Protein backbone atom coordinates (compact mmCIF):
# COMPACT_ATOMS: atom_id res chain seq x y z
CA UNK A 1 -10.93 -0.62 61.18
CA UNK A 2 -9.97 -3.57 58.98
CA UNK A 3 -8.81 -2.66 55.50
CA UNK A 4 -8.52 -4.72 52.31
CA UNK A 5 -5.37 -5.56 50.38
CA UNK A 6 -5.25 -4.82 46.67
CA UNK A 7 -3.85 -7.06 43.95
CA UNK A 8 -1.62 -5.63 41.22
CA UNK A 9 -2.46 -5.77 37.53
CA UNK A 10 0.16 -8.49 36.99
CA UNK A 11 -1.34 -10.55 39.77
CA UNK A 12 -4.82 -10.23 38.33
CA UNK A 13 -3.41 -11.41 34.99
CA UNK A 14 -1.93 -14.45 36.75
CA UNK A 15 -5.31 -15.12 38.32
CA UNK A 16 -6.83 -15.57 34.89
CA UNK A 17 -4.54 -18.52 34.25
CA UNK A 18 -5.98 -21.95 34.89
CA UNK A 19 -5.28 -23.32 38.35
CA UNK A 20 -2.62 -26.06 38.22
CA UNK A 21 -4.83 -28.45 40.23
CA UNK A 22 -8.52 -28.80 40.98
CA UNK A 23 -9.88 -27.15 44.12
CA UNK A 24 -7.18 -24.50 44.31
CA UNK A 25 -7.82 -20.75 44.35
CA UNK A 26 -5.60 -17.84 43.40
CA UNK A 27 -4.32 -15.76 46.30
CA UNK A 28 -3.31 -12.32 44.97
CA UNK A 29 -0.02 -11.04 46.27
CA UNK A 30 0.10 -7.92 48.36
CA UNK A 31 1.27 -6.20 51.51
CA UNK A 32 -0.46 -6.85 54.81
CA UNK A 33 -0.12 -6.39 58.55
CA UNK A 34 1.28 -9.66 59.87
CA UNK A 35 1.00 -10.61 63.54
CA UNK A 36 -0.79 -8.75 66.32
CA UNK A 37 0.01 -6.51 69.27
CA UNK A 38 -3.25 -7.35 71.04
CA UNK A 39 -2.96 -11.03 71.88
CA UNK A 40 -0.11 -13.47 72.65
CA UNK A 41 3.49 -12.18 72.97
CA UNK A 42 4.88 -14.38 70.18
CA UNK A 43 2.57 -12.64 67.69
CA UNK A 44 4.10 -9.21 68.28
CA UNK A 45 5.10 -6.88 66.86
CA UNK A 46 2.53 -6.43 64.11
CA UNK A 47 4.54 -5.53 61.02
CA UNK A 48 4.09 -5.10 57.29
CA UNK A 49 5.03 -8.02 55.05
CA UNK A 50 4.70 -8.48 51.30
CA UNK A 51 4.06 -11.77 49.52
CA UNK A 52 3.78 -12.72 45.86
CA UNK A 53 0.65 -14.32 44.47
CA UNK A 54 0.14 -18.10 44.59
CA UNK A 55 -2.51 -20.80 44.37
CA UNK A 56 -3.68 -22.50 47.54
CA UNK A 57 -5.70 -25.60 48.33
CA UNK A 58 -9.21 -24.60 49.31
CA UNK A 59 -9.24 -27.29 51.98
CA UNK A 60 -6.77 -29.10 54.17
CA UNK A 61 -5.48 -32.42 52.86
CA UNK A 62 -8.01 -35.14 53.71
CA UNK A 63 -7.55 -38.71 54.84
CA UNK A 64 -8.67 -39.91 51.41
CA UNK A 65 -6.14 -37.71 49.62
CA UNK A 66 -3.36 -38.79 51.94
CA UNK A 67 -4.32 -42.44 51.47
CA UNK A 68 -3.80 -42.13 47.72
CA UNK A 69 -0.33 -40.69 48.34
CA UNK A 70 0.61 -43.53 50.71
CA UNK A 71 -0.67 -46.18 48.31
CA UNK A 72 1.27 -44.64 45.41
CA UNK A 73 4.56 -44.12 47.26
CA UNK A 74 4.47 -46.66 50.13
CA UNK A 75 5.35 -43.75 52.41
CA UNK A 76 5.63 -44.64 56.09
CA UNK A 77 4.82 -41.69 58.34
CA UNK A 78 6.93 -40.60 61.26
CA UNK A 79 4.31 -41.85 63.73
CA UNK A 80 4.52 -45.32 62.17
CA UNK A 81 8.26 -45.61 62.81
CA UNK A 82 10.04 -46.18 66.12
CA UNK A 83 12.11 -43.17 67.29
CA UNK A 84 15.89 -43.59 67.49
CA UNK A 85 17.21 -43.74 71.04
CA UNK A 86 20.17 -41.48 70.20
CA UNK A 87 17.79 -38.65 69.26
CA UNK A 88 16.06 -38.73 72.66
CA UNK A 89 18.64 -38.94 75.46
CA UNK A 90 17.17 -40.45 78.61
CA UNK A 91 13.91 -41.55 77.01
CA UNK A 92 12.26 -44.61 78.55
CA UNK A 93 12.53 -47.67 76.27
CA UNK A 94 8.76 -48.18 76.35
CA UNK A 95 8.34 -44.76 74.74
CA UNK A 96 10.62 -45.56 71.81
CA UNK A 97 7.85 -47.19 69.81
CA UNK A 98 5.69 -46.03 66.90
CA UNK A 99 3.26 -43.60 68.52
CA UNK A 100 1.66 -40.18 68.34
CA UNK A 101 0.07 -37.59 70.62
CA UNK A 102 -3.66 -37.90 71.31
CA UNK A 103 -6.08 -35.69 73.22
CA UNK A 104 -7.55 -37.42 76.28
CA UNK A 105 -10.56 -35.52 77.63
CA UNK A 106 -10.53 -35.42 81.46
CA UNK A 107 -13.75 -35.86 83.40
CA UNK A 108 -13.36 -32.78 85.58
CA UNK A 109 -11.47 -29.50 85.86
CA UNK A 110 -7.69 -29.90 85.82
CA UNK A 111 -4.66 -27.67 86.26
CA UNK A 112 -4.28 -25.82 82.93
CA UNK A 113 -0.59 -25.26 83.65
CA UNK A 114 0.12 -28.95 83.00
CA UNK A 115 -0.75 -30.04 79.47
CA UNK A 116 -0.11 -33.67 80.40
CA UNK A 117 -3.52 -33.54 82.04
CA UNK A 118 -5.03 -33.96 78.58
CA UNK A 119 -2.25 -35.03 76.19
CA UNK A 120 -1.10 -38.64 76.08
CA UNK A 121 1.47 -40.44 73.94
CA UNK A 122 -0.38 -43.40 72.45
CA UNK A 123 1.47 -46.37 70.96
CA UNK A 124 -0.11 -47.29 67.65
CA UNK A 125 -1.77 -43.92 67.08
CA UNK A 126 -1.17 -42.64 63.55
CA UNK A 127 -3.02 -41.22 60.57
CA UNK A 128 -4.80 -44.55 59.99
CA UNK A 129 -5.68 -44.96 63.68
CA UNK A 130 -6.23 -41.41 64.98
CA UNK A 131 -7.32 -42.33 68.54
CA UNK A 132 -5.08 -45.39 68.89
CA UNK A 133 -4.68 -48.89 67.42
CA UNK A 134 -8.32 -49.83 68.02
CA UNK A 135 -9.62 -46.80 66.07
CA UNK A 136 -10.02 -46.40 62.33
CA UNK A 137 -10.90 -43.90 59.60
CA UNK A 138 -14.38 -45.30 59.12
CA UNK A 139 -16.63 -42.38 58.22
CA UNK A 140 -13.67 -39.97 58.19
CA UNK A 141 -12.44 -40.13 54.59
CA UNK A 142 -13.25 -36.44 54.17
CA UNK A 143 -11.83 -35.34 57.51
CA UNK A 144 -8.39 -33.67 57.60
CA UNK A 145 -5.48 -36.07 57.84
CA UNK A 146 -3.76 -35.78 61.23
CA UNK A 147 -0.80 -37.41 62.99
CA UNK A 148 1.51 -36.14 60.25
CA UNK A 149 4.95 -34.79 61.14
CA UNK A 150 6.50 -32.05 59.02
CA UNK A 151 8.44 -34.52 56.86
CA UNK A 152 5.17 -36.27 56.00
CA UNK A 153 3.53 -33.04 54.88
CA UNK A 154 6.59 -32.15 52.84
CA UNK A 155 6.70 -35.61 51.22
CA UNK A 156 3.05 -35.38 50.20
CA UNK A 157 3.55 -31.89 48.75
CA UNK A 158 6.58 -33.01 46.74
CA UNK A 159 4.75 -36.08 45.41
CA UNK A 160 1.75 -34.14 44.18
CA UNK A 161 3.79 -31.24 42.79
CA UNK A 162 3.01 -28.58 45.35
CA UNK A 163 4.67 -26.88 48.33
CA UNK A 164 3.96 -26.27 52.00
CA UNK A 165 3.29 -22.52 52.49
CA UNK A 166 5.46 -20.14 54.45
CA UNK A 167 3.98 -18.58 57.55
CA UNK A 168 3.54 -15.26 55.76
CA UNK A 169 1.83 -16.87 52.77
CA UNK A 170 -0.48 -18.81 55.07
CA UNK A 171 -1.44 -15.79 57.17
CA UNK A 172 -1.97 -13.55 54.14
CA UNK A 173 -4.27 -16.16 52.62
CA UNK A 174 -6.14 -16.73 55.89
CA UNK A 175 -6.94 -13.03 56.22
CA UNK A 176 -8.73 -13.05 52.88
CA UNK A 177 -8.02 -9.36 52.35
CA UNK A 178 -9.22 -8.33 55.83
CA UNK A 179 -6.01 -6.61 56.83
CA UNK A 180 -5.73 -6.39 60.63
CA UNK A 181 -8.99 -8.18 61.44
CA UNK A 182 -8.99 -10.36 64.55
CA UNK A 183 -10.58 -13.34 62.83
CA UNK A 184 -10.62 -14.88 59.37
CA UNK A 185 -14.14 -13.54 58.83
CA UNK A 186 -13.89 -10.17 60.64
CA UNK A 187 -13.67 -8.75 64.14
CA UNK A 188 -16.58 -10.56 65.83
CA UNK A 189 -16.02 -14.17 66.90
CA UNK A 190 -19.61 -15.35 66.43
CA UNK A 191 -21.38 -12.84 64.15
CA UNK A 192 -25.12 -12.93 64.84
CA UNK A 193 -24.43 -15.90 67.11
CA UNK A 194 -23.15 -18.08 64.26
CA UNK A 195 -20.28 -20.50 64.83
CA UNK A 196 -17.78 -19.78 62.06
CA UNK A 197 -15.19 -22.47 62.75
CA UNK A 198 -14.70 -25.79 64.49
CA UNK A 199 -13.38 -24.70 67.89
CA UNK A 200 -14.02 -25.65 71.52
CA UNK A 201 -17.16 -24.29 73.18
CA UNK A 202 -17.33 -24.69 76.94
CA UNK A 203 -14.57 -24.98 79.52
CA UNK A 204 -11.46 -26.64 78.13
CA UNK A 205 -10.41 -29.43 78.50
CA UNK A 206 -13.24 -31.23 80.27
CA UNK A 207 -16.48 -29.60 79.08
CA UNK A 208 -17.28 -29.45 75.37
CA UNK A 209 -20.73 -28.04 74.63
CA UNK A 210 -20.38 -28.86 70.91
CA UNK A 211 -22.34 -25.78 69.85
CA UNK A 212 -20.66 -26.06 66.44
CA UNK A 213 -21.85 -29.66 66.11
CA UNK A 214 -18.48 -31.38 66.45
CA UNK A 215 -16.55 -33.08 69.25
CA UNK A 216 -13.34 -33.65 67.28
CA UNK A 217 -12.38 -32.90 63.69
CA UNK A 218 -15.05 -31.91 61.19
CA UNK A 219 -15.14 -32.87 57.50
CA UNK A 220 -13.05 -30.40 55.51
CA UNK A 221 -15.10 -27.45 54.28
CA UNK A 222 -17.83 -27.71 56.94
CA UNK A 223 -17.78 -23.99 57.74
CA UNK A 224 -18.05 -20.87 55.54
CA UNK A 225 -14.99 -19.97 53.43
CA UNK A 226 -13.12 -16.71 53.77
CA UNK A 227 -13.16 -14.04 51.06
CA UNK A 228 -10.55 -15.91 49.01
CA UNK A 229 -12.65 -19.09 49.03
CA UNK A 230 -10.51 -20.94 51.58
CA UNK A 231 -12.12 -23.22 54.14
CA UNK A 232 -11.06 -23.94 57.72
CA UNK A 233 -8.35 -21.30 57.99
CA UNK A 234 -9.38 -21.14 61.64
CA UNK A 235 -10.06 -24.13 63.85
CA UNK A 236 -10.49 -27.80 62.92
CA UNK A 237 -6.74 -28.58 62.70
CA UNK A 238 -3.54 -26.62 63.01
CA UNK A 239 -1.53 -26.45 59.79
CA UNK A 240 2.20 -26.82 59.15
CA UNK A 241 4.21 -24.01 57.54
CA UNK A 242 7.81 -24.07 56.32
CA UNK A 243 9.14 -21.41 58.71
CA UNK A 244 11.51 -22.25 61.55
CA UNK A 245 9.97 -20.96 64.75
CA UNK A 246 11.22 -17.78 66.38
CA UNK A 247 9.26 -15.00 67.99
CA UNK A 248 8.42 -12.28 65.50
CA UNK A 249 10.34 -9.78 67.58
CA UNK A 250 13.52 -11.82 67.27
CA UNK A 251 13.19 -12.19 63.51
CA UNK A 252 12.38 -8.53 62.94
CA UNK A 253 15.35 -7.44 65.04
CA UNK A 254 17.74 -9.89 63.37
CA UNK A 255 16.64 -8.63 59.95
CA UNK A 256 17.13 -4.98 60.93
CA UNK A 257 13.37 -4.42 61.00
CA UNK A 258 12.95 -5.94 57.51
CA UNK A 259 10.92 -9.10 58.07
CA UNK A 260 11.95 -12.14 56.10
CA UNK A 261 8.74 -13.81 54.82
CA UNK A 262 10.60 -17.13 55.00
CA UNK A 263 11.75 -16.24 58.48
CA UNK A 264 13.42 -18.00 61.34
CA UNK A 265 16.62 -20.01 61.62
CA UNK A 266 16.82 -23.73 62.29
CA UNK A 267 19.46 -23.51 65.02
CA UNK A 268 17.45 -20.85 66.84
CA UNK A 269 14.19 -22.77 66.70
CA UNK A 270 15.04 -25.35 69.36
CA UNK A 271 12.99 -25.44 72.54
CA UNK A 272 15.08 -23.76 75.27
CA UNK A 273 13.23 -25.84 77.88
CA UNK A 274 14.68 -29.04 76.39
CA UNK A 275 18.41 -28.30 76.02
CA UNK A 276 19.40 -31.97 75.70
CA UNK A 277 17.00 -32.65 72.82
CA UNK A 278 17.84 -30.65 69.72
CA UNK A 279 14.65 -31.10 67.72
CA UNK A 280 14.01 -27.98 65.60
CA UNK A 281 10.53 -26.49 65.50
CA UNK A 282 8.37 -25.14 62.69
CA UNK A 283 5.51 -22.64 62.90
CA UNK A 284 1.99 -24.02 62.84
CA UNK A 285 -1.00 -21.81 62.16
CA UNK A 286 -4.78 -21.62 62.43
CA UNK A 287 -5.75 -23.20 65.74
CA UNK A 288 -7.83 -26.36 66.07
CA UNK A 289 -10.97 -27.93 67.47
CA UNK A 290 -9.20 -27.84 70.85
CA UNK A 291 -8.78 -24.05 70.97
CA UNK A 292 -11.04 -22.48 73.60
CA UNK A 293 -11.69 -19.01 75.05
CA UNK A 294 -10.50 -20.08 78.52
CA UNK A 295 -7.23 -21.63 77.34
CA UNK A 296 -6.04 -21.09 73.76
CA UNK A 297 -7.57 -18.24 71.77
CA UNK A 298 -5.48 -19.11 68.75
CA UNK A 299 -8.27 -19.51 66.19
CA UNK A 300 -7.02 -16.26 64.60
CA UNK A 301 -4.84 -15.59 61.54
CA UNK A 302 -2.14 -13.86 63.62
CA UNK A 303 -1.85 -16.74 66.07
CA UNK A 304 1.11 -19.08 65.82
CA UNK A 305 2.74 -21.87 67.79
CA UNK A 306 6.01 -23.78 67.72
CA UNK A 307 5.81 -27.45 66.81
CA UNK A 308 8.76 -29.90 66.87
CA UNK A 309 9.19 -31.24 63.35
CA UNK A 310 9.19 -34.85 64.60
CA UNK A 311 5.95 -34.56 66.58
CA UNK A 312 2.57 -35.49 65.17
CA UNK A 313 -0.72 -34.96 66.97
CA UNK A 314 -4.44 -35.56 66.59
CA UNK A 315 -5.10 -31.88 65.78
CA UNK A 316 -2.38 -30.98 63.27
CA UNK A 317 -2.62 -31.31 59.49
CA UNK A 318 -1.67 -29.23 56.44
CA UNK A 319 -2.63 -27.80 53.07
CA UNK A 320 -0.50 -26.99 50.04
CA UNK A 321 0.21 -24.17 47.65
CA UNK A 322 1.63 -23.71 44.16
CA UNK A 323 3.76 -20.71 43.32
CA UNK A 324 3.55 -19.60 39.67
CA UNK A 325 6.63 -19.85 37.48
CA UNK A 326 8.48 -16.59 37.31
């Protein structure tokens, strides 16, 4: 049975203070059950974690909001800069160009063990051109910004006076007080047959039935909010967090069973399958429009994945928080 977390009197007092920015909601601090023992191995073990209260953006950062940041700062995103050859030993010269990772829908069933059957590295793909150089943001001003590496999310947050959330803060907020529930809205994926998030319906990656009405990203806030008033905490786009990626089990053990809510260590976050490329990885949360029952059931608050900090994709964005002054 899913329980509800309770806010302290001090936290409720903080809630009465005016939000520091428009379209932010107060997330009361509390203790919750982080992770899950029922799904993917990297989510286990489920363990209690406490977080302090904070304000959080109701929606992910949109293309329009990111455009204002770029115009004000002249920021050039990671995807708009050519990678340095010394950082990628053995890389083909034709790949060392400004580019990003784009989903390419195959026409038939493919081997799900090989993600290159649907992911391609597209020169000229970036936040302004999400499908490649010939694409644009026309009609997508209110869609979540994508093709942002971690440094881009961090730069935006610093500019506007906010922060990127930790994994624990993000998961606590996503649960909306439903401690231990499978989904952001409860334990049933489609209550009364209703699509609650922008995810993949059909057989991934070739058949998208679009029962939720969307093929790719949806405008931010298109689906019902959780109990804290937060939109799209499942599906649409993955979201960056500040934590260096390690499996929960490793972090819990290294902390003598006392989980660090700002967990993980940079030098332990590298991908062991790529020993010659030391690109650290952060935790991303929430799942995306590409998550499907037959492949990636990660449209859940406990779900998490490792993402290299230099890698931007067409289904990864972010939202920000503000921690109150102590």
